[in-house]
Amino acid sequence: DNINEMVIGFDSTPATSSDGAAGRPAVTITPTVRIMDNSTLLVEGSLPVSEEYNETLKEVFIQLRGATGFTPISRHVFRPIKKTSTNEVIFQLVVEVK
């Protein structure tokens, strides 16, 4: 099993350990997950130039979605990003695992 969904959203409330989903989802993408070493994953997803939003993006949420539901992995809030039809946005998360 692996991280197979990255949800990009508009919510800017502080991220906490009890977050179970993105606050205000904008789009769900399938990320690329690479094993960096024995305890580190690199999770990467991108929004192409063709994507455009009226609101700024402020959160990213990663999860494992299966046939019977989903398992939240982590949620992160970042400084607002204006996504227009003139820019590509790449999200990279480094995740430490045990």
C-alpha atoms as a PDB file:
ATOM      1  CA  ASP A   1       0.000   0.000   0.000  1.00  0.00           C
ATOM      2  CA  ASN A   2       1.166   3.468  -0.784  1.00  0.00           C
ATOM      3  CA  ILE A   3       0.192   7.133  -0.755  1.00  0.00           C
ATOM      4  CA  ASN A   4      -2.032   7.406  -3.816  1.00  0.00           C
ATOM      5  CA  GLU A   5      -3.904  10.708  -3.474  1.00  0.00           C
ATOM      6  CA  MET A   6      -2.797  14.298  -3.014  1.00  0.00           C
ATOM      7  CA  VAL A   7      -5.582  16.779  -2.358  1.00  0.00           C
ATOM      8  CA  ILE A   8      -4.830  20.457  -2.957  1.00  0.00           C
ATOM      9  CA  GLY A   9      -7.183  22.903  -1.286  1.00  0.00           C
ATOM     10  CA  PHE A  10      -8.163  26.422  -0.311  1.00  0.00           C
ATOM     11  CA  ASP A  11      -8.308  26.080   3.518  1.00  0.00           C
ATOM     12  CA  SER A  12      -5.712  27.914   5.589  1.00  0.00           C
ATOM     13  CA  THR A  13      -6.662  26.792   9.094  1.00  0.00           C
ATOM     14  CA  PRO A  14      -3.630  25.489  11.010  1.00  0.00           C
ATOM     15  CA  ALA A  15      -2.711  21.877  10.310  1.00  0.00           C
ATOM     16  CA  THR A  16      -2.988  19.611  13.370  1.00  0.00           C
ATOM     17  CA  SER A  17      -2.330  15.965  14.177  1.00  0.00           C
ATOM     18  CA  SER A  18      -6.095  15.336  14.250  1.00  0.00           C
ATOM     19  CA  ASP A  19      -6.752  16.493  10.652  1.00  0.00           C
ATOM     20  CA  GLY A  20      -8.622  13.823   8.742  1.00  0.00           C
ATOM     21  CA  ALA A  21      -9.127  15.505   5.378  1.00  0.00           C
ATOM     22  CA  ALA A  22      -8.507  18.627   3.348  1.00  0.00           C
ATOM     23  CA  GLY A  23     -10.628  21.528   4.604  1.00  0.00           C
ATOM     24  CA  ARG A  24     -11.802  22.905   1.264  1.00  0.00           C
ATOM     25  CA  PRO A  25     -10.574  20.670  -1.588  1.00  0.00           C
ATOM     26  CA  ALA A  26      -9.859  22.172  -5.013  1.00  0.00           C
ATOM     27  CA  VAL A  27      -8.455  19.162  -6.856  1.00  0.00           C
ATOM     28  CA  THR A  28      -7.271  15.603  -6.208  1.00  0.00           C
ATOM     29  CA  ILE A  29      -4.198  14.372  -8.078  1.00  0.00           C
ATOM     30  CA  THR A  30      -2.204  11.148  -8.113  1.00  0.00           C
ATOM     31  CA  PRO A  31       1.265  11.829  -6.715  1.00  0.00           C
ATOM     32  CA  THR A  32       4.566  10.168  -7.479  1.00  0.00           C
ATOM     33  CA  VAL A  33       6.111   8.528  -4.409  1.00  0.00           C
ATOM     34  CA  ARG A  34       9.835   7.777  -4.288  1.00  0.00           C
ATOM     35  CA  ILE A  35      11.739   6.003  -1.549  1.00  0.00           C
ATOM     36  CA  MET A  36      14.696   8.219  -0.643  1.00  0.00           C
ATOM     37  CA  ASP A  37      16.212   5.978   2.046  1.00  0.00           C
ATOM     38  CA  ASN A  38      15.113   3.578   4.820  1.00  0.00           C
ATOM     39  CA  SER A  39      13.029   6.219   6.563  1.00  0.00           C
ATOM     40  CA  THR A  40      12.200   8.918   3.996  1.00  0.00           C
ATOM     41  CA  LEU A  41       9.681   9.235   1.157  1.00  0.00           C
ATOM     42  CA  LEU A  42       9.425  12.021  -1.403  1.00  0.00           C
ATOM     43  CA  VAL A  43       5.809  12.661  -2.422  1.00  0.00           C
ATOM     44  CA  GLU A  44       5.444  14.874  -5.480  1.00  0.00           C
ATOM     45  CA  GLY A  45       2.446  16.151  -7.410  1.00  0.00           C
ATOM     46  CA  SER A  46       1.920  18.937  -9.917  1.00  0.00           C
ATOM     47  CA  LEU A  47      -0.765  21.177 -11.326  1.00  0.00           C
ATOM     48  CA  PRO A  48      -0.203  21.836 -15.024  1.00  0.00           C
ATOM     49  CA  VAL A  49      -0.489  25.181 -16.778  1.00  0.00           C
ATOM     50  CA  SER A  50      -4.009  24.227 -17.907  1.00  0.00           C
ATOM     51  CA  GLU A  51      -5.330  24.338 -14.306  1.00  0.00           C
ATOM     52  CA  GLU A  52      -6.586  27.699 -13.015  1.00  0.00           C
ATOM     53  CA  TYR A  53      -8.368  28.725  -9.788  1.00  0.00           C
ATOM     54  CA  ASN A  54     -10.087  31.925  -8.660  1.00  0.00           C
ATOM     55  CA  GLU A  55      -8.947  31.426  -5.051  1.00  0.00           C
ATOM     56  CA  THR A  56      -5.409  30.963  -3.783  1.00  0.00           C
ATOM     57  CA  LEU A  57      -4.256  27.462  -2.882  1.00  0.00           C
ATOM     58  CA  LYS A  58      -3.225  27.068   0.762  1.00  0.00           C
ATOM     59  CA  GLU A  59      -3.180  23.392   1.743  1.00  0.00           C
ATOM     60  CA  VAL A  60      -2.043  19.955   0.653  1.00  0.00           C
ATOM     61  CA  PHE A  61      -3.319  16.681   2.105  1.00  0.00           C
ATOM     62  CA  ILE A  62      -1.957  13.225   1.291  1.00  0.00           C
ATOM     63  CA  GLN A  63      -3.745   9.948   1.859  1.00  0.00           C
ATOM     64  CA  LEU A  64      -4.047   6.278   0.966  1.00  0.00           C
ATOM     65  CA  ARG A  65      -7.410   5.572  -0.670  1.00  0.00           C
ATOM     66  CA  GLY A  66      -8.562   1.980  -0.935  1.00  0.00           C
ATOM     67  CA  ALA A  67     -11.740   0.158  -1.898  1.00  0.00           C
ATOM     68  CA  THR A  68     -13.230   0.520   1.588  1.00  0.00           C
ATOM     69  CA  GLY A  69     -12.188   4.070   2.480  1.00  0.00           C
ATOM     70  CA  PHE A  70      -9.089   6.167   3.040  1.00  0.00           C
ATOM     71  CA  THR A  71      -6.251   6.540   5.514  1.00  0.00           C
ATOM     72  CA  PRO A  72      -5.075  10.121   6.177  1.00  0.00           C
ATOM     73  CA  ILE A  73      -1.287  10.528   6.078  1.00  0.00           C
ATOM     74  CA  SER A  74      -0.678  14.256   6.601  1.00  0.00           C
ATOM     75  CA  ARG A  75      -2.017  17.743   5.959  1.00  0.00           C
ATOM     76  CA  HIS A  76       0.124  20.838   5.451  1.00  0.00           C
ATOM     77  CA  VAL A  77      -0.755  24.530   5.160  1.00  0.00           C
ATOM     78  CA  PHE A  78       1.474  26.875   3.150  1.00  0.00           C
ATOM     79  CA  ARG A  79       1.598  30.519   2.090  1.00  0.00           C
ATOM     80  CA  PRO A  80      -1.077  31.253  -0.530  1.00  0.00           C
ATOM     81  CA  ILE A  81      -0.237  30.368  -4.133  1.00  0.00           C
ATOM     82  CA  LYS A  82      -2.112  31.997  -7.010  1.00  0.00           C
ATOM     83  CA  LYS A  83      -2.559  29.300  -9.668  1.00  0.00           C
ATOM     84  CA  THR A  84      -3.228  30.803 -13.083  1.00  0.00           C
ATOM     85  CA  SER A  85      -3.065  29.529 -16.645  1.00  0.00           C
ATOM     86  CA  THR A  86       0.458  30.948 -16.922  1.00  0.00           C
ATOM     87  CA  ASN A  87       2.202  28.896 -14.214  1.00  0.00           C
ATOM     88  CA  GLU A  88       2.809  25.291 -13.223  1.00  0.00           C
ATOM     89  CA  VAL A  89       2.874  24.410  -9.519  1.00  0.00           C
ATOM     90  CA  ILE A  90       4.818  21.442  -8.149  1.00  0.00           C
ATOM     91  CA  PHE A  91       4.240  20.181  -4.611  1.00  0.00           C
ATOM     92  CA  GLN A  92       7.037  18.208  -2.943  1.00  0.00           C
ATOM     93  CA  LEU A  93       6.650  16.698   0.524  1.00  0.00           C
ATOM     94  CA  VAL A  94       9.362  14.853   2.383  1.00  0.00           C
ATOM     95  CA  VAL A  95       7.763  12.299   4.711  1.00  0.00           C
ATOM     96  CA  GLU A  96       9.689  10.508   7.454  1.00  0.00           C
ATOM     97  CA  VAL A  97       8.425   7.000   8.172  1.00  0.00           C
ATOM     98  CA  LYS A  98       9.178   4.487  10.909  1.00  0.00           C
END
